Amino acid sequence: MWDCTLKSSETAPNEMTSDALALLDREVILATQAGLPLVPEPYQQIADQLKVNVSLLKQRLTLMRDDGRIRRIGAVPNHYKLGYTANGMSVWDVPDDRIQMLGDAVGDLGFVSHCYHRPRFLPDWSYNLFAMVHGRDRDEVFEKAKIIKELLGDDCRAHDILFSSRILKKTGIRIGG
């Protein structure tokens, strides 16, 4: 329940007090942190549950994404159920001064589900670019890693693939209700 009255689909957040918006943002996070409902209009269902207008809900989600409270909104497929049982974290040693450009290029590949810049731990660990690749078997993952290596070109000084040995439950940070 909200201590505000929505007058129309155009109700602006500035018509609510900052305390009401903070409370609404918390309720939006609680309602979405486990995932969006698998229905034709998930935002409408959440808005109905929170008793707010769907446009206000979308405004709050956009604001929280833009200010960094929410990193992203996206689908998280279960690769195993889709038949992708070979999962390899490819690790790459690339020049630090080019990692942003190279990471963006690798992350834009359709078969890379996650791409990260991570610190090196020299002398034992020289890898600073990580890219998760999924395949139906290990050979497919190796083929995709070849594509990454070709993309990196001379910037690839070394690489390896670390294959998953078991499934771990994946969840983001959760807040309590």
C-alpha atoms as a PDB file:
ATOM      1  CA  MET A   1       0.000   0.000   0.000  1.00  0.00           C
ATOM      2  CA  TRP A   2       1.179   3.492  -0.785  1.00  0.00           C
ATOM      3  CA  ASP A   3       0.477   6.746   0.954  1.00  0.00           C
ATOM      4  CA  CYS A   4      -0.082   8.471  -2.371  1.00  0.00           C
ATOM      5  CA  THR A   5      -2.882   8.654  -4.876  1.00  0.00           C
ATOM      6  CA  LEU A   6      -2.102   8.071  -8.521  1.00  0.00           C
ATOM      7  CA  LYS A   7      -4.274  10.405 -10.563  1.00  0.00           C
ATOM      8  CA  SER A   8      -3.570   9.030 -14.049  1.00  0.00           C
ATOM      9  CA  SER A   9      -1.106   7.050 -16.108  1.00  0.00           C
ATOM     10  CA  GLU A  10       0.926  10.246 -16.318  1.00  0.00           C
ATOM     11  CA  THR A  11       1.438  10.624 -12.560  1.00  0.00           C
ATOM     12  CA  ALA A  12       4.989  11.852 -12.099  1.00  0.00           C
ATOM     13  CA  PRO A  13       7.275  10.649  -9.304  1.00  0.00           C
ATOM     14  CA  ASN A  14       7.646  14.251  -8.096  1.00  0.00           C
ATOM     15  CA  GLU A  15       4.002  14.107  -6.954  1.00  0.00           C
ATOM     16  CA  MET A  16       5.093  11.597  -4.303  1.00  0.00           C
ATOM     17  CA  THR A  17       7.179  12.458  -1.268  1.00  0.00           C
ATOM     18  CA  SER A  18      10.792  11.310  -1.196  1.00  0.00           C
ATOM     19  CA  ASP A  19       9.924   8.945   1.670  1.00  0.00           C
ATOM     20  CA  ALA A  20       7.112   7.415  -0.392  1.00  0.00           C
ATOM     21  CA  LEU A  21       9.470   7.002  -3.371  1.00  0.00           C
ATOM     22  CA  ALA A  22      12.119   5.345  -1.197  1.00  0.00           C
ATOM     23  CA  LEU A  23       9.491   2.946   0.129  1.00  0.00           C
ATOM     24  CA  LEU A  24       8.188   2.294  -3.382  1.00  0.00           C
ATOM     25  CA  ASP A  25      11.719   1.602  -4.661  1.00  0.00           C
ATOM     26  CA  ARG A  26      12.264  -0.922  -1.867  1.00  0.00           C
ATOM     27  CA  GLU A  27       8.960  -2.630  -2.664  1.00  0.00           C
ATOM     28  CA  VAL A  28       9.835  -2.717  -6.378  1.00  0.00           C
ATOM     29  CA  ILE A  29      13.157  -4.402  -5.568  1.00  0.00           C
ATOM     30  CA  LEU A  30      11.455  -6.908  -3.271  1.00  0.00           C
ATOM     31  CA  ALA A  31       8.871  -7.692  -5.944  1.00  0.00           C
ATOM     32  CA  THR A  32      11.431  -8.191  -8.728  1.00  0.00           C
ATOM     33  CA  GLN A  33      14.618  -9.494  -7.112  1.00  0.00           C
ATOM     34  CA  ALA A  34      13.697 -13.163  -7.607  1.00  0.00           C
ATOM     35  CA  GLY A  35      12.813 -12.510 -11.252  1.00  0.00           C
ATOM     36  CA  LEU A  36       9.952 -11.196 -13.303  1.00  0.00           C
ATOM     37  CA  PRO A  37       6.812 -13.309 -13.545  1.00  0.00           C
ATOM     38  CA  LEU A  38       6.597 -15.432 -16.686  1.00  0.00           C
ATOM     39  CA  VAL A  39       3.417 -13.837 -18.002  1.00  0.00           C
ATOM     40  CA  PRO A  40       2.674 -11.807 -21.152  1.00  0.00           C
ATOM     41  CA  GLU A  41       2.774  -8.484 -19.215  1.00  0.00           C
ATOM     42  CA  PRO A  42       5.138  -8.919 -16.257  1.00  0.00           C
ATOM     43  CA  TYR A  43       5.434  -5.208 -15.467  1.00  0.00           C
ATOM     44  CA  GLN A  44       1.660  -4.845 -15.359  1.00  0.00           C
ATOM     45  CA  GLN A  45       1.376  -7.790 -12.978  1.00  0.00           C
ATOM     46  CA  ILE A  46       3.985  -6.296 -10.638  1.00  0.00           C
ATOM     47  CA  ALA A  47       2.356  -2.853 -10.841  1.00  0.00           C
ATOM     48  CA  ASP A  48      -0.999  -4.409  -9.955  1.00  0.00           C
ATOM     49  CA  GLN A  49       0.600  -6.268  -7.039  1.00  0.00           C
ATOM     50  CA  LEU A  50       2.118  -2.986  -5.753  1.00  0.00           C
ATOM     51  CA  LYS A  51      -1.049  -0.996  -6.525  1.00  0.00           C
ATOM     52  CA  VAL A  52       0.810   1.527  -8.696  1.00  0.00           C
ATOM     53  CA  ASN A  53       0.576   2.529 -12.318  1.00  0.00           C
ATOM     54  CA  VAL A  54       2.768   0.502 -14.681  1.00  0.00           C
ATOM     55  CA  SER A  55       4.365   3.686 -16.077  1.00  0.00           C
ATOM     56  CA  LEU A  56       5.469   4.690 -12.561  1.00  0.00           C
ATOM     57  CA  LEU A  57       6.886   1.208 -11.982  1.00  0.00           C
ATOM     58  CA  LYS A  58       8.891   1.431 -15.219  1.00  0.00           C
ATOM     59  CA  GLN A  59      10.106   4.940 -14.328  1.00  0.00           C
ATOM     60  CA  ARG A  60      11.384   3.731 -10.954  1.00  0.00           C
ATOM     61  CA  LEU A  61      13.126   0.688 -12.478  1.00  0.00           C
ATOM     62  CA  THR A  62      14.765   2.891 -15.116  1.00  0.00           C
ATOM     63  CA  LEU A  63      15.920   5.405 -12.500  1.00  0.00           C
ATOM     64  CA  MET A  64      17.347   2.661 -10.269  1.00  0.00           C
ATOM     65  CA  ARG A  65      19.171   1.149 -13.246  1.00  0.00           C
ATOM     66  CA  ASP A  66      20.504   4.544 -14.321  1.00  0.00           C
ATOM     67  CA  ASP A  67      21.745   5.473 -10.837  1.00  0.00           C
ATOM     68  CA  GLY A  68      23.326   2.050 -10.267  1.00  0.00           C
ATOM     69  CA  ARG A  69      21.014   0.567  -7.646  1.00  0.00           C
ATOM     70  CA  ILE A  70      20.042  -2.055 -10.225  1.00  0.00           C
ATOM     71  CA  ARG A  71      22.850  -3.273 -12.473  1.00  0.00           C
ATOM     72  CA  ARG A  72      20.694  -4.655 -15.249  1.00  0.00           C
ATOM     73  CA  ILE A  73      17.367  -6.165 -16.128  1.00  0.00           C
ATOM     74  CA  GLY A  74      17.658  -9.203 -18.353  1.00  0.00           C
ATOM     75  CA  ALA A  75      16.868 -12.834 -18.889  1.00  0.00           C
ATOM     76  CA  VAL A  76      18.963 -15.437 -17.065  1.00  0.00           C
ATOM     77  CA  PRO A  77      18.521 -18.694 -18.934  1.00  0.00           C
ATOM     78  CA  ASN A  78      19.209 -22.090 -17.438  1.00  0.00           C
ATOM     79  CA  HIS A  79      21.822 -23.250 -19.936  1.00  0.00           C
ATOM     80  CA  TYR A  80      21.604 -26.866 -18.825  1.00  0.00           C
ATOM     81  CA  LYS A  81      17.863 -27.046 -19.553  1.00  0.00           C
ATOM     82  CA  LEU A  82      18.565 -25.550 -22.982  1.00  0.00           C
ATOM     83  CA  GLY A  83      21.068 -28.319 -23.753  1.00  0.00           C
ATOM     84  CA  TYR A  84      24.251 -26.311 -23.133  1.00  0.00           C
ATOM     85  CA  THR A  85      26.031 -28.612 -20.703  1.00  0.00           C
ATOM     86  CA  ALA A  86      29.624 -27.532 -21.376  1.00  0.00           C
ATOM     87  CA  ASN A  87      30.283 -24.247 -19.616  1.00  0.00           C
ATOM     88  CA  GLY A  88      33.707 -22.697 -19.810  1.00  0.00           C
ATOM     89  CA  MET A  89      35.054 -19.541 -18.267  1.00  0.00           C
ATOM     90  CA  SER A  90      37.611 -18.445 -20.819  1.00  0.00           C
ATOM     91  CA  VAL A  91      40.411 -16.400 -19.276  1.00  0.00           C
ATOM     92  CA  TRP A  92      42.644 -14.074 -21.258  1.00  0.00           C
ATOM     93  CA  ASP A  93      45.863 -12.163 -20.680  1.00  0.00           C
ATOM     94  CA  VAL A  94      45.481  -8.888 -22.578  1.00  0.00           C
ATOM     95  CA  PRO A  95      47.152  -5.476 -22.216  1.00  0.00           C
ATOM     96  CA  ASP A  96      45.640  -3.517 -19.322  1.00  0.00           C
ATOM     97  CA  ASP A  97      45.551  -0.308 -21.345  1.00  0.00           C
ATOM     98  CA  ARG A  98      43.276  -1.969 -23.954  1.00  0.00           C
ATOM     99  CA  ILE A  99      41.065  -4.059 -21.691  1.00  0.00           C
ATOM    100  CA  GLN A 100      37.993  -1.808 -21.903  1.00  0.00           C
ATOM    101  CA  MET A 101      37.923  -1.873 -25.694  1.00  0.00           C
ATOM    102  CA  LEU A 102      38.763  -5.570 -25.879  1.00  0.00           C
ATOM    103  CA  GLY A 103      36.265  -6.493 -23.155  1.00  0.00           C
ATOM    104  CA  ASP A 104      33.512  -4.550 -24.910  1.00  0.00           C
ATOM    105  CA  ALA A 105      34.268  -6.383 -28.173  1.00  0.00           C
ATOM    106  CA  VAL A 106      34.305  -9.816 -26.495  1.00  0.00           C
ATOM    107  CA  GLY A 107      31.178  -9.015 -24.470  1.00  0.00           C
ATOM    108  CA  ASP A 108      29.360  -8.088 -27.687  1.00  0.00           C
ATOM    109  CA  LEU A 109      29.801 -11.602 -29.075  1.00  0.00           C
ATOM    110  CA  GLY A 110      26.422 -13.318 -29.049  1.00  0.00           C
ATOM    111  CA  PHE A 111      27.746 -16.491 -27.452  1.00  0.00           C
ATOM    112  CA  VAL A 112      29.436 -14.734 -24.491  1.00  0.00           C
ATOM    113  CA  SER A 113      27.007 -14.569 -21.576  1.00  0.00           C
ATOM    114  CA  HIS A 114      29.280 -12.706 -19.121  1.00  0.00           C
ATOM    115  CA  CYS A 115      32.460 -10.712 -19.642  1.00  0.00           C
ATOM    116  CA  TYR A 116      34.533  -9.233 -16.812  1.00  0.00           C
ATOM    117  CA  HIS A 117      37.743  -7.358 -16.105  1.00  0.00           C
ATOM    118  CA  ARG A 118      39.432  -9.021 -13.131  1.00  0.00           C
ATOM    119  CA  PRO A 119      42.692  -8.316 -11.316  1.00  0.00           C
ATOM    120  CA  ARG A 120      45.825 -10.292 -12.067  1.00  0.00           C
ATOM    121  CA  PHE A 121      47.582 -12.155  -9.262  1.00  0.00           C
ATOM    122  CA  LEU A 122      51.151 -12.245 -10.531  1.00  0.00           C
ATOM    123  CA  PRO A 123      53.232 -14.254 -10.891  1.00  0.00           C
ATOM    124  CA  ASP A 124      50.728 -17.144 -10.661  1.00  0.00           C
ATOM    125  CA  TRP A 125      47.707 -15.674 -12.464  1.00  0.00           C
ATOM    126  CA  SER A 126      48.252 -13.372 -15.435  1.00  0.00           C
ATOM    127  CA  TYR A 127      44.668 -13.385 -16.754  1.00  0.00           C
ATOM    128  CA  ASN A 128      42.683 -10.143 -16.548  1.00  0.00           C
ATOM    129  CA  LEU A 129      39.763 -10.675 -18.974  1.00  0.00           C
ATOM    130  CA  PHE A 130      37.132 -13.347 -18.267  1.00  0.00           C
ATOM    131  CA  ALA A 131      34.409 -14.401 -20.718  1.00  0.00           C
ATOM    132  CA  MET A 132      31.810 -17.116 -19.995  1.00  0.00           C
ATOM    133  CA  VAL A 133      31.063 -19.365 -22.953  1.00  0.00           C
ATOM    134  CA  HIS A 134      28.421 -22.110 -23.120  1.00  0.00           C
ATOM    135  CA  GLY A 135      28.278 -25.019 -25.530  1.00  0.00           C
ATOM    136  CA  ARG A 136      26.513 -28.328 -26.057  1.00  0.00           C
ATOM    137  CA  ASP A 137      29.911 -29.989 -25.575  1.00  0.00           C
ATOM    138  CA  ARG A 138      33.518 -28.989 -24.848  1.00  0.00           C
ATOM    139  CA  ASP A 139      34.436 -28.926 -28.541  1.00  0.00           C
ATOM    140  CA  GLU A 140      31.846 -26.208 -29.127  1.00  0.00           C
ATOM    141  CA  VAL A 141      33.302 -24.147 -26.275  1.00  0.00           C
ATOM    142  CA  PHE A 142      36.816 -24.573 -27.736  1.00  0.00           C
ATOM    143  CA  GLU A 143      35.527 -23.409 -31.145  1.00  0.00           C
ATOM    144  CA  LYS A 144      33.983 -20.312 -29.596  1.00  0.00           C
ATOM    145  CA  ALA A 145      37.214 -19.592 -27.709  1.00  0.00           C
ATOM    146  CA  LYS A 146      39.044 -19.688 -31.068  1.00  0.00           C
ATOM    147  CA  ILE A 147      36.736 -16.926 -32.280  1.00  0.00           C
ATOM    148  CA  ILE A 148      37.582 -14.845 -29.210  1.00  0.00           C
ATOM    149  CA  LYS A 149      41.297 -15.460 -29.781  1.00  0.00           C
ATOM    150  CA  GLU A 150      40.971 -14.314 -33.404  1.00  0.00           C
ATOM    151  CA  LEU A 151      39.102 -11.201 -32.263  1.00  0.00           C
ATOM    152  CA  LEU A 152      41.814 -10.365 -29.712  1.00  0.00           C
ATOM    153  CA  GLY A 153      44.579 -10.952 -32.265  1.00  0.00           C
ATOM    154  CA  ASP A 154      48.036  -9.891 -31.110  1.00  0.00           C
ATOM    155  CA  ASP A 155      46.537  -8.544 -27.868  1.00  0.00           C
ATOM    156  CA  CYS A 156      46.030 -12.151 -26.703  1.00  0.00           C
ATOM    157  CA  ARG A 157      49.207 -13.055 -24.829  1.00  0.00           C
ATOM    158  CA  ALA A 158      47.813 -16.210 -23.165  1.00  0.00           C
ATOM    159  CA  HIS A 159      44.480 -17.873 -22.468  1.00  0.00           C
ATOM    160  CA  ASP A 160      42.841 -20.900 -20.913  1.00  0.00           C
ATOM    161  CA  ILE A 161      39.363 -22.315 -20.361  1.00  0.00           C
ATOM    162  CA  LEU A 162      38.105 -23.342 -16.938  1.00  0.00           C
ATOM    163  CA  PHE A 163      35.202 -25.775 -17.314  1.00  0.00           C
ATOM    164  CA  SER A 164      32.401 -26.037 -14.757  1.00  0.00           C
ATOM    165  CA  SER A 165      32.321 -29.297 -12.842  1.00  0.00           C
ATOM    166  CA  ARG A 166      28.935 -28.765 -11.148  1.00  0.00           C
ATOM    167  CA  ILE A 167      25.949 -26.432 -11.099  1.00  0.00           C
ATOM    168  CA  LEU A 168      25.861 -23.788  -8.394  1.00  0.00           C
ATOM    169  CA  LYS A 169      22.722 -21.853  -7.523  1.00  0.00           C
ATOM    170  CA  LYS A 170      22.996 -18.420  -9.110  1.00  0.00           C
ATOM    171  CA  THR A 171      21.343 -15.495  -7.370  1.00  0.00           C
ATOM    172  CA  GLY A 172      22.136 -11.852  -6.984  1.00  0.00           C
ATOM    173  CA  ILE A 173      22.123  -9.865  -3.785  1.00  0.00           C
ATOM    174  CA  ARG A 174      18.769 -10.095  -2.018  1.00  0.00           C
ATOM    175  CA  ILE A 175      17.209  -7.769   0.533  1.00  0.00           C
ATOM    176  CA  GLY A 176      14.798  -9.005   3.171  1.00  0.00           C
ATOM    177  CA  GLY A 177      11.159  -8.031   3.239  1.00  0.00           C
END
